[in-house]
Amino acid sequence: MHHSSREGRLGAALVEAADTLSETFDTVTYLRRLSDHCVALLDASAAGIMLIESGETVSFGVSSRRQELALELLEVQHHGGPCLESYGSGEPVPPVAIRAAHASSRWPDFTERALRYDIGSTFAVPLRRNGTPLGALNVFAPGPAHPSPSPSPADETGLLLAQTLADAAALGLANHRVFTQYRTLTGQLQEALSSRVRIEQAKGMLAERRRTGMDEAFIALRQYARSHRLPIDEVATDVIAGTEDASELGRERPGPA
């Protein structure tokens, strides 16, 4: 659906930012889509999101518009740049004129590269959730930043929009992390339950074959697993399947536990 207004585009971006509870979720695609929304909302040259964990960059996502530019301007920030500054402080870095920053030796590697691409200004906002910094959103604009000491109304609007997107992204990423953790835990619990069911089934089959009690059947199962250095669940699976190796369990009498 086409959204002709900034409000409509922002609404679509926020809905997309919240849509992270999916098994097919892909972080890079997600960050690229949000960067695309940011570029469209702010009429920027490009934008990108840097995710950081324990001080190390773990993922980049850049806009489709001028993708190579955005990726290079994120990657060059390993010695400093608006993303790292915003991430470290937990606060926005207001629009900065690239030429002025370069003249003052602020982020020299970053500003030198930005000048090659004719970027006029940049700003960054943090991705944070419950006080925990996750990374930063960096916007690259063609024109210079407003020269006055205080941000212009347009600059303030741009910062607000970018921060709104960044906050939504932080929430979406945090929710996906919890979703993934619960999926993993659910899978582990399901496997543990399935393993228990297989062991109980194998015990019943052994008890019937050997005409013994369930406890004796379990002792035989456990002894066989130990002597062959196999997981007991694997032995139980073989008993149920009736494989040749496991069939000797039906002939042996269990010794002391």
Protein backbone atom coordinates (compact mmCIF):
# COMPACT_ATOMS: atom_id res chain seq x y z
CA MET A 1 0.00 0.00 0.00
CA HIS A 2 1.35 3.43 -0.95
CA HIS A 3 1.49 6.07 1.80
CA SER A 4 1.52 9.60 0.41
CA SER A 5 2.11 11.37 3.72
CA ARG A 6 4.99 11.38 6.17
CA GLU A 7 2.55 10.30 8.90
CA GLY A 8 1.43 7.33 6.85
CA ARG A 9 5.01 6.32 6.11
CA LEU A 10 5.94 6.63 9.77
CA GLY A 11 2.95 4.53 10.78
CA ALA A 12 3.95 1.82 8.31
CA ALA A 13 7.53 1.91 9.57
CA LEU A 14 6.46 1.52 13.20
CA VAL A 15 4.21 -1.43 12.34
CA GLU A 16 7.08 -3.06 10.46
CA ALA A 17 9.44 -2.39 13.36
CA ALA A 18 7.10 -4.29 15.69
CA ASP A 19 6.78 -7.31 13.38
CA THR A 20 9.67 -9.42 14.69
CA LEU A 21 7.95 -12.48 16.16
CA SER A 22 8.53 -14.73 13.17
CA GLU A 23 10.62 -17.83 12.52
CA THR A 24 11.72 -16.30 9.21
CA PHE A 25 12.95 -13.06 10.79
CA ASP A 26 16.24 -11.84 9.33
CA THR A 27 18.14 -9.11 11.20
CA VAL A 28 19.94 -7.61 8.19
CA THR A 29 16.73 -7.39 6.13
CA TYR A 30 14.91 -5.87 9.10
CA LEU A 31 17.57 -3.19 9.61
CA ARG A 32 17.66 -2.43 5.88
CA ARG A 33 13.90 -1.91 5.76
CA LEU A 34 13.99 0.46 8.72
CA SER A 35 16.89 2.36 7.14
CA ASP A 36 14.85 2.66 3.94
CA HIS A 37 11.95 4.12 5.92
CA CYS A 38 14.32 6.58 7.57
CA VAL A 39 15.70 7.73 4.21
CA ALA A 40 12.21 8.23 2.80
CA LEU A 41 10.92 10.08 5.87
CA LEU A 42 13.88 12.45 6.04
CA ASP A 43 14.75 12.68 2.34
CA ALA A 44 18.29 11.67 3.26
CA SER A 45 21.07 10.43 1.00
CA ALA A 46 21.36 7.18 2.95
CA ALA A 47 21.03 5.70 6.42
CA GLY A 48 22.27 2.70 8.34
CA ILE A 49 21.95 0.92 11.64
CA MET A 50 24.86 -0.49 13.61
CA LEU A 51 24.16 -3.11 16.29
CA ILE A 52 26.78 -3.33 19.02
CA GLU A 53 27.19 -5.91 21.77
CA SER A 54 29.83 -5.76 24.52
CA GLY A 55 31.61 -3.01 22.62
CA GLU A 56 31.84 -5.07 19.41
CA THR A 57 29.86 -4.46 16.23
CA VAL A 58 27.70 -7.50 15.55
CA SER A 59 25.58 -6.42 12.59
CA PHE A 60 25.04 -3.69 9.98
CA GLY A 61 21.89 -2.85 8.11
CA VAL A 62 21.95 -0.11 5.48
CA SER A 63 19.43 1.55 3.19
CA SER A 64 18.85 0.36 -0.34
CA ARG A 65 19.55 3.91 -1.53
CA ARG A 66 23.32 4.37 -1.89
CA GLN A 67 23.92 1.09 -0.11
CA GLU A 68 27.66 1.03 -0.74
CA LEU A 69 28.06 4.53 0.68
CA ALA A 70 26.09 3.74 3.83
CA LEU A 71 27.93 0.48 4.48
CA GLU A 72 31.34 2.08 4.04
CA LEU A 73 30.46 4.99 6.33
CA LEU A 74 29.38 2.55 9.05
CA GLU A 75 32.41 0.29 8.66
CA VAL A 76 34.89 3.19 8.80
CA GLN A 77 33.68 4.15 12.27
CA HIS A 78 35.82 1.58 14.09
CA HIS A 79 38.05 4.48 15.26
CA GLY A 80 35.17 6.83 16.01
CA GLY A 81 32.09 8.32 14.45
CA PRO A 82 28.53 9.43 15.17
CA CYS A 83 27.29 5.86 15.72
CA LEU A 84 29.88 5.04 18.35
CA GLU A 85 29.47 8.42 20.00
CA SER A 86 25.70 8.06 20.24
CA TYR A 87 26.01 4.45 21.43
CA GLY A 88 28.56 5.39 24.10
CA SER A 89 26.61 8.35 25.47
CA GLY A 90 23.14 6.92 25.00
CA GLU A 91 22.12 10.30 23.58
CA PRO A 92 21.51 11.63 20.06
CA VAL A 93 24.36 13.26 18.15
CA PRO A 94 22.66 16.34 16.61
CA PRO A 95 23.26 17.20 12.94
CA VAL A 96 26.93 17.91 12.29
CA ALA A 97 28.38 19.58 9.19
CA ILE A 98 30.94 17.16 7.72
CA ARG A 99 33.38 19.89 6.59
CA ALA A 100 33.35 21.56 10.00
CA ALA A 101 33.84 18.23 11.76
CA HIS A 102 36.71 17.37 9.44
CA ALA A 103 38.38 20.76 9.98
CA SER A 104 38.23 20.23 13.75
CA SER A 105 39.60 16.66 13.44
CA ARG A 106 36.41 15.16 14.81
CA TRP A 107 36.13 11.58 13.54
CA PRO A 108 38.91 12.10 10.92
CA ASP A 109 38.56 8.74 9.15
CA PHE A 110 34.80 9.00 8.99
CA THR A 111 34.64 12.63 7.83
CA GLU A 112 37.32 12.09 5.18
CA ARG A 113 35.31 9.22 3.71
CA ALA A 114 32.05 11.17 3.96
CA LEU A 115 33.56 14.09 2.04
CA ARG A 116 34.51 11.73 -0.80
CA TYR A 117 30.83 10.87 -1.14
CA ASP A 118 29.71 14.54 -0.97
CA ILE A 119 27.83 14.03 2.29
CA GLY A 120 27.01 17.43 3.75
CA SER A 121 25.93 16.47 7.27
CA THR A 122 25.17 13.55 9.52
CA PHE A 123 23.47 12.74 12.79
CA ALA A 124 22.90 9.64 14.89
CA VAL A 125 20.44 8.43 17.50
CA PRO A 126 20.86 5.50 19.91
CA LEU A 127 18.99 2.21 19.88
CA ARG A 128 18.31 1.50 23.54
CA ARG A 129 15.92 -0.68 25.50
CA ASN A 130 15.31 -0.27 29.23
CA GLY A 131 18.52 1.69 29.54
CA THR A 132 20.57 -0.91 27.67
CA PRO A 133 22.30 0.39 24.51
CA LEU A 134 21.93 -1.89 21.49
CA GLY A 135 23.49 0.25 18.76
CA ALA A 136 22.77 3.41 16.80
CA LEU A 137 20.97 4.71 13.71
CA ASN A 138 23.08 6.97 11.48
CA VAL A 139 21.59 9.34 8.88
CA PHE A 140 23.61 10.87 6.03
CA ALA A 141 22.25 14.04 4.44
CA PRO A 142 23.31 15.88 1.26
CA GLY A 143 23.07 19.40 2.67
CA PRO A 144 25.08 21.02 5.48
CA ALA A 145 23.77 21.15 9.01
CA HIS A 146 22.09 24.33 10.26
CA PRO A 147 24.87 26.74 11.28
CA SER A 148 23.22 28.18 14.39
CA PRO A 149 24.18 26.88 17.86
CA SER A 150 20.74 25.37 18.41
CA PRO A 151 19.11 22.87 16.03
CA SER A 152 16.64 24.23 13.50
CA PRO A 153 13.00 23.06 13.63
CA ALA A 154 13.71 20.79 10.67
CA ASP A 155 16.74 19.30 12.46
CA GLU A 156 14.68 18.73 15.61
CA THR A 157 11.94 17.03 13.59
CA GLY A 158 14.50 14.82 11.89
CA LEU A 159 16.04 13.82 15.20
CA LEU A 160 12.62 13.07 16.67
CA LEU A 161 11.57 10.92 13.72
CA ALA A 162 14.86 9.04 13.70
CA GLN A 163 14.72 8.46 17.46
CA THR A 164 11.14 7.21 17.19
CA LEU A 165 12.23 4.67 14.58
CA ALA A 166 15.27 3.71 16.65
CA ASP A 167 13.16 3.19 19.77
CA ALA A 168 10.71 1.04 17.81
CA ALA A 169 13.59 -0.99 16.36
CA ALA A 170 15.10 -1.51 19.81
CA LEU A 171 11.76 -2.78 21.10
CA GLY A 172 11.31 -5.06 18.09
CA LEU A 173 14.82 -6.50 18.41
CA ALA A 174 14.43 -7.05 22.15
CA ASN A 175 11.11 -8.83 21.59
CA HIS A 176 12.66 -11.04 18.92
CA ARG A 177 15.50 -11.97 21.28
CA VAL A 178 12.99 -13.04 23.95
CA PHE A 179 10.94 -14.88 21.30
CA THR A 180 14.04 -16.78 20.16
CA GLN A 181 14.98 -17.68 23.74
CA TYR A 182 11.50 -19.05 24.42
CA ARG A 183 11.51 -21.00 21.16
CA THR A 184 14.84 -22.55 22.08
CA LEU A 185 13.63 -23.41 25.58
CA THR A 186 10.39 -24.88 24.21
CA GLY A 187 12.37 -27.04 21.79
CA GLN A 188 14.64 -28.27 24.58
CA LEU A 189 11.67 -29.11 26.81
CA GLN A 190 9.90 -30.89 23.95
CA GLU A 191 13.01 -32.94 23.19
CA ALA A 192 13.40 -33.84 26.88
CA LEU A 193 9.77 -34.97 27.01
CA SER A 194 10.12 -36.97 23.78
CA SER A 195 13.29 -38.59 25.13
CA ARG A 196 11.49 -39.57 28.32
CA VAL A 197 8.64 -41.08 26.34
CA ARG A 198 11.09 -43.13 24.22
CA ILE A 199 12.91 -44.40 27.31
CA GLU A 200 9.63 -45.43 28.95
CA GLN A 201 8.55 -47.20 25.76
CA ALA A 202 11.89 -49.03 25.53
CA LYS A 203 11.62 -50.07 29.19
CA GLY A 204 8.19 -51.56 28.54
CA MET A 205 9.42 -53.48 25.50
CA LEU A 206 12.45 -54.83 27.40
CA ALA A 207 10.36 -55.81 30.40
CA GLU A 208 8.03 -57.77 28.13
CA ARG A 209 10.86 -59.49 26.24
CA ARG A 210 12.75 -60.43 29.39
CA ARG A 211 9.71 -60.99 31.55
CA THR A 212 11.09 -58.70 34.24
CA GLY A 213 9.88 -55.62 36.05
CA MET A 214 10.22 -52.11 34.70
CA ASP A 215 13.03 -51.27 37.16
CA GLU A 216 15.13 -54.22 35.97
CA ALA A 217 14.49 -53.25 32.37
CA PHE A 218 15.72 -49.72 33.07
CA ILE A 219 18.86 -51.05 34.78
CA ALA A 220 19.62 -53.14 31.69
CA LEU A 221 19.05 -50.15 29.44
CA ARG A 222 21.34 -47.96 31.54
CA GLN A 223 24.08 -50.59 31.81
CA TYR A 224 24.09 -51.13 28.07
CA ALA A 225 24.32 -47.39 27.44
CA ARG A 226 27.23 -47.02 29.88
CA SER A 227 29.18 -50.02 28.59
CA HIS A 228 28.85 -48.87 24.99
CA ARG A 229 29.32 -45.17 25.86
CA LEU A 230 26.06 -44.18 24.25
CA PRO A 231 23.32 -41.77 25.34
CA ILE A 232 20.52 -43.72 26.96
CA ASP A 233 18.01 -42.05 24.63
CA GLU A 234 19.92 -43.38 21.61
CA VAL A 235 19.83 -46.91 23.05
CA ALA A 236 16.11 -46.55 23.76
CA THR A 237 15.53 -45.49 20.15
CA ASP A 238 17.43 -48.56 18.91
CA VAL A 239 15.39 -50.85 21.19
CA ILE A 240 12.14 -49.42 19.82
CA ALA A 241 13.43 -49.80 16.25
CA GLY A 242 14.59 -53.36 16.96
CA THR A 243 18.14 -52.89 15.66
CA GLU A 244 20.58 -55.79 15.84
CA ASP A 245 22.89 -54.29 18.46
CA ALA A 246 20.08 -53.39 20.80
CA SER A 247 18.45 -56.81 20.44
CA GLU A 248 21.06 -58.33 22.77
CA LEU A 249 19.44 -56.34 25.53
CA GLY A 250 16.51 -58.69 25.16
CA ARG A 251 18.78 -61.69 25.92
CA GLU A 252 20.99 -60.30 28.72
CA ARG A 253 20.00 -60.42 32.35
CA PRO A 254 20.82 -57.24 34.24
CA GLY A 255 23.67 -57.29 36.71
CA PRO A 256 24.06 -55.03 39.79
CA ALA A 257 23.20 -51.38 39.07
